[in-house]
Each structure stands twice: as structure tokens, then as C-alpha cells.
């Protein structure tokens, strides 16, 4: 967490410098401040500083992570990441259905309905894939 905090402090400093530099550059080049880019870069600075502050405060209250210990072995960071089904096609079908839904907003409402129905069926299939068939438990 220490490295992450330093990374976000550096990112916040970078965006602060960019915001000030961009503002000064637009004043010199155009004669007036260009508000959109300056404010956008300032907001990026604020978001980076918020994340860095949160990680700094959390680090003082939490235990050190294996990533913070230079003598830690690679196996110390091993943990349970979840259960994955490498043979399952349901995630692909769910992603395709979501694609159809969002594409339907561009093309027509009829495709949203087709994508929504496919999304409902594919979500049910993905959730219940371990309750039926060869892999039932």
C-alpha cells in the first residue's frame, strides 16, 4: 500500500503541474484562460490526491502488505482469488448480450429487447451452471 500511495501522490503532483502549466500556456497563447482543460486537469489532481490521502491513512491503520516488504517471497502474496470456470462459455454470452443491448441504443429499440432477453437467459445460465449437468454439486 505504501508504493500505491506514493504512486498516487506522484500522479497528483504531475496533474497539479500540468494544470498550472496548461493554464499559463493558454493565457500566453490566447490571451485568456481556457477553462475546460484547466479545470479538467485540476479535477484529475484532486482525484489523485484523494486516492493518495486515502491510501496513506489506510496504510497507517492496516498491516503491511507483502508488496511493501522487500524481503517477502512471491508465495506470501498468494491468496484465494475466487472460483473460475475455464470451460464456461457463459461470460462470453453475457458480454455479447451486453454488447447487443448497448448497440441497440444506437441502432434501434428492437435490438435492446433482443439483447435484454439474451442477457436474462445468459445470466441465469451463468448463475446456475453448477446446479445442473455434468458439474452439478
N, C-alpha and C. Protein backbone atom coordinates (compact mmCIF):
# COMPACT_ATOMS: atom_id res chain seq x y z
N UNK A 1 0.81 -1.19 0.00
CA UNK A 1 0.00 0.00 0.00
C UNK A 1 0.86 1.26 0.00
N UNK A 2 2.06 1.13 0.53
CA UNK A 2 2.95 2.28 0.56
C UNK A 2 3.34 2.71 -0.85
N UNK A 3 3.64 1.73 -1.70
CA UNK A 3 4.01 2.05 -3.08
C UNK A 3 2.83 2.66 -3.83
N UNK A 4 1.64 2.17 -3.56
CA UNK A 4 0.45 2.72 -4.23
C UNK A 4 0.21 4.17 -3.79
N UNK A 5 0.40 4.43 -2.50
CA UNK A 5 0.21 5.79 -2.01
C UNK A 5 1.22 6.74 -2.66
N UNK A 6 2.48 6.33 -2.74
CA UNK A 6 3.49 7.17 -3.38
C UNK A 6 3.19 7.37 -4.86
N UNK A 7 2.69 6.33 -5.50
CA UNK A 7 2.33 6.44 -6.91
C UNK A 7 1.24 7.48 -7.12
N UNK A 8 0.21 7.47 -6.28
CA UNK A 8 -0.86 8.44 -6.45
C UNK A 8 -0.45 9.84 -6.01
N UNK A 9 0.45 9.96 -5.03
CA UNK A 9 0.97 11.30 -4.69
C UNK A 9 1.74 11.86 -5.88
N UNK A 10 2.54 11.02 -6.53
CA UNK A 10 3.27 11.47 -7.72
C UNK A 10 2.33 11.85 -8.86
N UNK A 11 1.27 11.05 -9.04
CA UNK A 11 0.29 11.36 -10.07
C UNK A 11 -0.44 12.67 -9.78
N UNK A 12 -0.77 12.89 -8.51
CA UNK A 12 -1.43 14.14 -8.13
C UNK A 12 -0.51 15.34 -8.39
N UNK A 13 0.77 15.20 -8.03
CA UNK A 13 1.72 16.28 -8.31
C UNK A 13 1.88 16.54 -9.79
N UNK A 14 1.91 15.47 -10.58
CA UNK A 14 2.01 15.62 -12.03
C UNK A 14 0.82 16.41 -12.58
N UNK A 15 -0.39 16.05 -12.16
CA UNK A 15 -1.57 16.75 -12.67
C UNK A 15 -1.65 18.19 -12.16
N UNK A 16 -1.14 18.45 -10.97
CA UNK A 16 -1.10 19.83 -10.48
C UNK A 16 -0.17 20.67 -11.35
N UNK A 17 1.01 20.14 -11.66
CA UNK A 17 1.94 20.86 -12.53
C UNK A 17 1.35 21.05 -13.93
N UNK A 18 0.69 20.02 -14.43
CA UNK A 18 0.09 20.13 -15.76
C UNK A 18 -1.04 21.15 -15.79
N UNK A 19 -1.83 21.20 -14.74
CA UNK A 19 -2.93 22.15 -14.68
C UNK A 19 -2.42 23.58 -14.66
N UNK A 20 -1.43 23.84 -13.84
CA UNK A 20 -0.86 25.18 -13.76
C UNK A 20 -0.18 25.53 -15.09
N UNK A 21 0.62 24.60 -15.62
CA UNK A 21 1.31 24.86 -16.88
C UNK A 21 0.35 25.08 -18.04
N UNK A 22 -0.72 24.28 -18.09
CA UNK A 22 -1.70 24.43 -19.16
C UNK A 22 -2.43 25.76 -19.05
N UNK A 23 -2.77 26.14 -17.83
CA UNK A 23 -3.43 27.42 -17.64
C UNK A 23 -2.56 28.59 -18.06
N UNK A 24 -1.29 28.56 -17.66
CA UNK A 24 -0.37 29.64 -18.05
C UNK A 24 -0.13 29.64 -19.55
N UNK A 25 -0.02 28.46 -20.14
CA UNK A 25 0.22 28.37 -21.57
C UNK A 25 -0.95 28.95 -22.37
N UNK A 26 -2.16 28.66 -21.95
CA UNK A 26 -3.31 29.20 -22.67
C UNK A 26 -3.44 30.71 -22.48
N UNK A 27 -3.04 31.21 -21.32
CA UNK A 27 -3.07 32.67 -21.11
C UNK A 27 -2.07 33.35 -22.04
N UNK A 28 -0.87 32.76 -22.15
CA UNK A 28 0.14 33.36 -23.02
C UNK A 28 -0.24 33.22 -24.49
N UNK A 29 -0.75 32.07 -24.89
CA UNK A 29 -1.04 31.81 -26.30
C UNK A 29 -2.31 32.50 -26.78
N UNK A 30 -3.36 32.51 -25.97
CA UNK A 30 -4.64 33.04 -26.41
C UNK A 30 -5.01 34.38 -25.78
N UNK A 31 -4.34 34.73 -24.72
CA UNK A 31 -4.66 35.98 -24.04
C UNK A 31 -5.74 35.80 -22.97
N UNK A 32 -6.32 34.62 -22.86
CA UNK A 32 -7.30 34.35 -21.82
C UNK A 32 -7.17 32.89 -21.39
N UNK A 33 -7.69 32.60 -20.22
CA UNK A 33 -7.60 31.25 -19.67
C UNK A 33 -8.62 30.34 -20.33
N UNK A 34 -8.18 29.18 -20.75
CA UNK A 34 -9.07 28.17 -21.31
C UNK A 34 -9.53 27.29 -20.14
N UNK A 35 -10.79 27.46 -19.75
CA UNK A 35 -11.29 26.89 -18.51
C UNK A 35 -11.48 25.38 -18.55
N UNK A 36 -11.90 24.85 -19.67
CA UNK A 36 -12.26 23.43 -19.73
C UNK A 36 -11.06 22.53 -19.42
N UNK A 37 -9.97 22.72 -20.12
CA UNK A 37 -8.80 21.88 -19.90
C UNK A 37 -8.16 22.10 -18.55
N UNK A 38 -8.12 23.38 -18.10
CA UNK A 38 -7.52 23.69 -16.81
C UNK A 38 -8.30 23.06 -15.67
N UNK A 39 -9.63 23.16 -15.73
CA UNK A 39 -10.46 22.56 -14.68
C UNK A 39 -10.38 21.04 -14.74
N UNK A 40 -10.35 20.46 -15.94
CA UNK A 40 -10.26 19.00 -16.06
C UNK A 40 -8.96 18.48 -15.45
N UNK A 41 -7.86 19.16 -15.71
CA UNK A 41 -6.59 18.75 -15.11
C UNK A 41 -6.57 18.98 -13.61
N UNK A 42 -7.22 20.04 -13.15
CA UNK A 42 -7.30 20.28 -11.71
C UNK A 42 -8.14 19.21 -11.02
N UNK A 43 -9.21 18.76 -11.67
CA UNK A 43 -10.03 17.68 -11.10
C UNK A 43 -9.24 16.38 -11.05
N UNK A 44 -8.42 16.12 -12.07
CA UNK A 44 -7.55 14.94 -12.03
C UNK A 44 -6.58 15.03 -10.85
N UNK A 45 -6.07 16.22 -10.58
CA UNK A 45 -5.22 16.42 -9.40
C UNK A 45 -5.98 16.11 -8.12
N UNK A 46 -7.20 16.60 -8.01
CA UNK A 46 -8.00 16.37 -6.80
C UNK A 46 -8.28 14.89 -6.61
N UNK A 47 -8.64 14.19 -7.69
CA UNK A 47 -8.91 12.76 -7.58
C UNK A 47 -7.66 11.98 -7.18
N UNK A 48 -6.54 12.32 -7.77
CA UNK A 48 -5.29 11.65 -7.40
C UNK A 48 -4.91 11.92 -5.96
N UNK A 49 -5.10 13.16 -5.50
CA UNK A 49 -4.78 13.50 -4.12
C UNK A 49 -5.73 12.79 -3.15
N UNK A 50 -7.00 12.67 -3.51
CA UNK A 50 -7.95 11.95 -2.65
C UNK A 50 -7.55 10.48 -2.51
N UNK A 51 -7.21 9.85 -3.61
CA UNK A 51 -6.79 8.46 -3.54
C UNK A 51 -5.50 8.30 -2.74
N UNK A 52 -4.56 9.20 -2.97
CA UNK A 52 -3.30 9.13 -2.23
C UNK A 52 -3.51 9.34 -0.75
N UNK A 53 -4.36 10.29 -0.39
CA UNK A 53 -4.64 10.54 1.03
C UNK A 53 -5.31 9.33 1.66
N UNK A 54 -6.28 8.74 0.95
CA UNK A 54 -6.97 7.56 1.48
C UNK A 54 -5.98 6.41 1.70
N UNK A 55 -5.12 6.16 0.73
CA UNK A 55 -4.16 5.07 0.87
C UNK A 55 -3.14 5.35 1.97
N UNK A 56 -2.76 6.60 2.14
CA UNK A 56 -1.82 6.95 3.21
C UNK A 56 -2.44 6.74 4.58
N UNK A 57 -3.68 7.16 4.76
CA UNK A 57 -4.36 7.00 6.05
C UNK A 57 -4.66 5.52 6.31
N UNK A 58 -5.09 4.80 5.30
CA UNK A 58 -5.39 3.38 5.47
C UNK A 58 -4.13 2.59 5.79
N UNK A 59 -3.02 2.96 5.21
CA UNK A 59 -1.77 2.27 5.46
C UNK A 59 -1.34 2.38 6.90
N UNK A 60 -1.62 3.49 7.53
CA UNK A 60 -1.23 3.66 8.93
C UNK A 60 -2.08 2.81 9.87
N UNK A 61 -3.27 2.41 9.42
CA UNK A 61 -4.15 1.61 10.26
C UNK A 61 -4.12 0.12 9.94
N UNK A 62 -3.62 -0.24 8.78
CA UNK A 62 -3.65 -1.64 8.35
C UNK A 62 -2.26 -2.25 8.47
N UNK A 63 -2.23 -3.57 8.36
CA UNK A 63 -0.94 -4.26 8.40
C UNK A 63 -0.23 -4.07 7.06
N UNK A 64 1.06 -4.29 7.07
CA UNK A 64 1.83 -4.15 5.84
C UNK A 64 1.51 -5.29 4.88
N UNK A 65 1.44 -4.97 3.63
CA UNK A 65 1.21 -5.96 2.60
C UNK A 65 2.53 -6.60 2.20
N UNK A 66 2.49 -7.79 1.63
CA UNK A 66 3.75 -8.41 1.17
C UNK A 66 4.47 -7.56 0.12
N UNK A 67 3.73 -6.76 -0.62
CA UNK A 67 4.36 -5.91 -1.63
C UNK A 67 5.23 -4.82 -1.00
N UNK A 68 4.96 -4.49 0.27
CA UNK A 68 5.73 -3.44 0.94
C UNK A 68 7.01 -3.96 1.58
N UNK A 69 7.15 -5.28 1.68
CA UNK A 69 8.32 -5.87 2.30
C UNK A 69 9.31 -6.29 1.21
N UNK A 70 10.49 -5.68 1.16
CA UNK A 70 11.44 -6.05 0.09
C UNK A 70 11.98 -7.47 0.23
N UNK A 71 11.89 -8.08 1.41
CA UNK A 71 12.38 -9.44 1.62
C UNK A 71 11.29 -10.50 1.49
N UNK A 72 10.10 -10.11 1.11
CA UNK A 72 8.98 -11.06 1.01
C UNK A 72 9.15 -11.95 -0.22
N UNK A 73 8.70 -13.17 -0.06
CA UNK A 73 8.71 -14.11 -1.17
C UNK A 73 7.46 -13.95 -2.02
N UNK A 74 7.51 -14.50 -3.22
CA UNK A 74 6.38 -14.34 -4.12
C UNK A 74 5.17 -15.13 -3.63
N UNK A 75 5.40 -16.19 -2.87
CA UNK A 75 4.28 -17.00 -2.39
C UNK A 75 3.55 -16.38 -1.22
N UNK A 76 4.08 -15.34 -0.61
CA UNK A 76 3.40 -14.69 0.51
C UNK A 76 2.19 -13.89 0.06
N UNK A 77 2.14 -13.51 -1.19
CA UNK A 77 1.01 -12.74 -1.69
C UNK A 77 -0.08 -13.63 -2.27
N UNK A 78 0.15 -14.95 -2.24
CA UNK A 78 -0.86 -15.87 -2.76
C UNK A 78 -2.09 -15.82 -1.88
N UNK A 79 -3.20 -15.86 -2.51
CA UNK A 79 -4.46 -15.85 -1.79
C UNK A 79 -5.56 -16.41 -2.67
N UNK A 80 -6.67 -16.62 -2.08
CA UNK A 80 -7.82 -17.11 -2.84
C UNK A 80 -8.40 -15.97 -3.64
N UNK A 81 -8.39 -16.09 -4.94
CA UNK A 81 -8.88 -15.05 -5.81
C UNK A 81 -10.32 -15.28 -6.24
N UNK A 82 -10.81 -16.47 -6.03
CA UNK A 82 -12.17 -16.79 -6.43
C UNK A 82 -12.21 -18.09 -7.18
N UNK A 83 -13.36 -18.43 -7.62
CA UNK A 83 -13.56 -19.68 -8.36
C UNK A 83 -13.84 -19.34 -9.81
N UNK A 84 -13.04 -19.88 -10.68
CA UNK A 84 -13.19 -19.59 -12.10
C UNK A 84 -13.47 -20.88 -12.86
N UNK A 85 -14.28 -20.78 -13.88
CA UNK A 85 -14.60 -21.92 -14.73
C UNK A 85 -13.95 -21.73 -16.08
N UNK A 86 -12.82 -22.35 -16.32
CA UNK A 86 -12.14 -22.10 -17.59
C UNK A 86 -12.89 -22.67 -18.79
N UNK A 87 -13.81 -23.59 -18.60
CA UNK A 87 -14.53 -24.20 -19.71
C UNK A 87 -15.84 -23.48 -20.02
N UNK A 88 -16.22 -22.50 -19.19
CA UNK A 88 -17.53 -21.89 -19.30
C UNK A 88 -17.60 -20.88 -20.44
N UNK A 89 -18.68 -20.97 -21.22
CA UNK A 89 -18.93 -20.02 -22.30
C UNK A 89 -19.89 -18.92 -21.86
N UNK A 90 -20.44 -19.02 -20.66
CA UNK A 90 -21.44 -18.05 -20.22
C UNK A 90 -20.91 -16.62 -20.13
N UNK A 91 -19.70 -16.38 -19.65
CA UNK A 91 -19.22 -14.98 -19.62
C UNK A 91 -19.16 -14.35 -21.01
N UNK A 92 -18.79 -15.12 -22.00
CA UNK A 92 -18.76 -14.61 -23.37
C UNK A 92 -20.16 -14.27 -23.85
N UNK A 93 -21.13 -15.12 -23.52
CA UNK A 93 -22.51 -14.87 -23.95
C UNK A 93 -23.08 -13.65 -23.22
N UNK A 94 -22.75 -13.48 -21.93
CA UNK A 94 -23.20 -12.30 -21.19
C UNK A 94 -22.61 -11.03 -21.80
N UNK A 95 -21.33 -11.07 -22.12
CA UNK A 95 -20.69 -9.90 -22.73
C UNK A 95 -21.28 -9.59 -24.11
N UNK A 96 -21.58 -10.62 -24.87
CA UNK A 96 -22.20 -10.40 -26.18
C UNK A 96 -23.60 -9.82 -26.04
N UNK A 97 -24.35 -10.28 -25.05
CA UNK A 97 -25.69 -9.73 -24.82
C UNK A 97 -25.61 -8.27 -24.38
N UNK A 98 -24.65 -7.94 -23.53
CA UNK A 98 -24.47 -6.53 -23.13
C UNK A 98 -24.11 -5.68 -24.34
N UNK A 99 -23.26 -6.22 -25.21
CA UNK A 99 -22.92 -5.51 -26.44
C UNK A 99 -24.17 -5.24 -27.28
N UNK A 100 -25.04 -6.25 -27.40
CA UNK A 100 -26.26 -6.06 -28.17
C UNK A 100 -27.17 -5.01 -27.54
N UNK A 101 -27.25 -5.00 -26.21
CA UNK A 101 -28.09 -4.00 -25.54
C UNK A 101 -27.57 -2.59 -25.83
N UNK A 102 -26.28 -2.38 -25.66
CA UNK A 102 -25.74 -1.04 -25.88
C UNK A 102 -25.73 -0.66 -27.36
N UNK A 103 -25.55 -1.64 -28.23
CA UNK A 103 -25.65 -1.37 -29.66
C UNK A 103 -27.09 -1.02 -30.03
N UNK A 104 -28.04 -1.60 -29.32
CA UNK A 104 -29.44 -1.31 -29.57
C UNK A 104 -29.81 0.12 -29.29
N UNK A 105 -29.13 0.75 -28.36
CA UNK A 105 -29.41 2.16 -28.10
C UNK A 105 -29.01 3.03 -29.29
N UNK A 106 -28.08 2.54 -30.09
CA UNK A 106 -27.65 3.28 -31.27
C UNK A 106 -28.52 2.94 -32.48
N UNK A 107 -28.80 1.66 -32.66
CA UNK A 107 -29.49 1.21 -33.87
C UNK A 107 -31.00 1.29 -33.73
N UNK A 108 -31.54 0.68 -32.68
CA UNK A 108 -32.99 0.68 -32.53
C UNK A 108 -33.40 -0.08 -31.28
N UNK A 109 -34.59 0.25 -30.80
CA UNK A 109 -35.08 -0.34 -29.57
C UNK A 109 -35.34 -1.83 -29.71
N UNK A 110 -35.59 -2.31 -30.92
CA UNK A 110 -35.82 -3.73 -31.13
C UNK A 110 -34.60 -4.56 -30.75
N UNK A 111 -33.40 -4.02 -30.99
CA UNK A 111 -32.19 -4.75 -30.63
C UNK A 111 -31.95 -4.73 -29.12
N UNK A 112 -32.41 -3.68 -28.45
CA UNK A 112 -32.32 -3.65 -26.99
C UNK A 112 -33.16 -4.78 -26.40
N UNK A 113 -34.32 -5.01 -26.96
CA UNK A 113 -35.19 -6.07 -26.45
C UNK A 113 -34.59 -7.45 -26.70
N UNK A 114 -34.01 -7.65 -27.87
CA UNK A 114 -33.35 -8.93 -28.15
C UNK A 114 -32.16 -9.12 -27.21
N UNK A 115 -31.35 -8.09 -27.06
CA UNK A 115 -30.19 -8.18 -26.17
C UNK A 115 -30.58 -8.38 -24.71
N UNK A 116 -31.66 -7.72 -24.28
CA UNK A 116 -32.11 -7.87 -22.89
C UNK A 116 -32.59 -9.28 -22.61
N UNK A 117 -33.32 -9.86 -23.55
CA UNK A 117 -33.79 -11.22 -23.35
C UNK A 117 -32.61 -12.20 -23.35
N UNK A 118 -31.67 -12.01 -24.25
CA UNK A 118 -30.48 -12.85 -24.26
C UNK A 118 -29.66 -12.65 -22.99
N UNK A 119 -29.60 -11.43 -22.49
CA UNK A 119 -28.87 -11.15 -21.26
C UNK A 119 -29.52 -11.85 -20.07
N UNK A 120 -30.83 -11.84 -19.98
CA UNK A 120 -31.52 -12.52 -18.89
C UNK A 120 -31.26 -14.02 -18.93
N UNK A 121 -31.37 -14.62 -20.10
CA UNK A 121 -31.13 -16.07 -20.23
C UNK A 121 -29.68 -16.41 -19.90
N UNK A 122 -28.75 -15.60 -20.39
CA UNK A 122 -27.34 -15.91 -20.16
C UNK A 122 -26.94 -15.70 -18.69
N UNK A 123 -27.52 -14.72 -18.03
CA UNK A 123 -27.23 -14.54 -16.60
C UNK A 123 -27.75 -15.71 -15.78
N UNK A 124 -28.95 -16.17 -16.10
CA UNK A 124 -29.49 -17.34 -15.39
C UNK A 124 -28.63 -18.56 -15.67
N UNK A 125 -28.20 -18.74 -16.90
CA UNK A 125 -27.33 -19.87 -17.23
C UNK A 125 -26.00 -19.81 -16.51
N UNK A 126 -25.43 -18.62 -16.39
CA UNK A 126 -24.14 -18.47 -15.72
C UNK A 126 -24.27 -18.72 -14.22
N UNK A 127 -25.33 -18.20 -13.63
CA UNK A 127 -25.52 -18.37 -12.18
C UNK A 127 -25.77 -19.84 -11.83
N UNK A 128 -26.54 -20.52 -12.65
CA UNK A 128 -26.94 -21.89 -12.33
C UNK A 128 -26.14 -22.96 -13.07
N UNK A 129 -24.98 -22.64 -13.59
CA UNK A 129 -24.24 -23.63 -14.35
C UNK A 129 -23.72 -24.77 -13.47
N UNK A 130 -23.57 -24.55 -12.19
CA UNK A 130 -23.09 -25.61 -11.30
C UNK A 130 -24.24 -26.38 -10.65
N UNK A 131 -25.46 -26.08 -10.98
CA UNK A 131 -26.60 -26.77 -10.38
C UNK A 131 -27.22 -27.79 -11.32
N UNK A 132 -26.70 -27.91 -12.51
CA UNK A 132 -27.27 -28.89 -13.44
C UNK A 132 -26.16 -29.43 -14.34
N UNK A 133 -26.43 -30.55 -14.96
CA UNK A 133 -25.48 -31.12 -15.90
C UNK A 133 -24.35 -31.88 -15.23
N UNK A 134 -23.25 -31.98 -15.96
CA UNK A 134 -22.11 -32.77 -15.53
C UNK A 134 -21.44 -32.21 -14.27
N UNK A 135 -21.45 -30.89 -14.10
CA UNK A 135 -20.75 -30.25 -12.99
C UNK A 135 -21.66 -29.92 -11.82
N UNK A 136 -22.83 -30.54 -11.73
CA UNK A 136 -23.77 -30.25 -10.63
C UNK A 136 -23.16 -30.68 -9.31
N UNK A 137 -23.40 -29.86 -8.30
CA UNK A 137 -22.87 -30.15 -6.96
C UNK A 137 -23.95 -30.07 -5.94
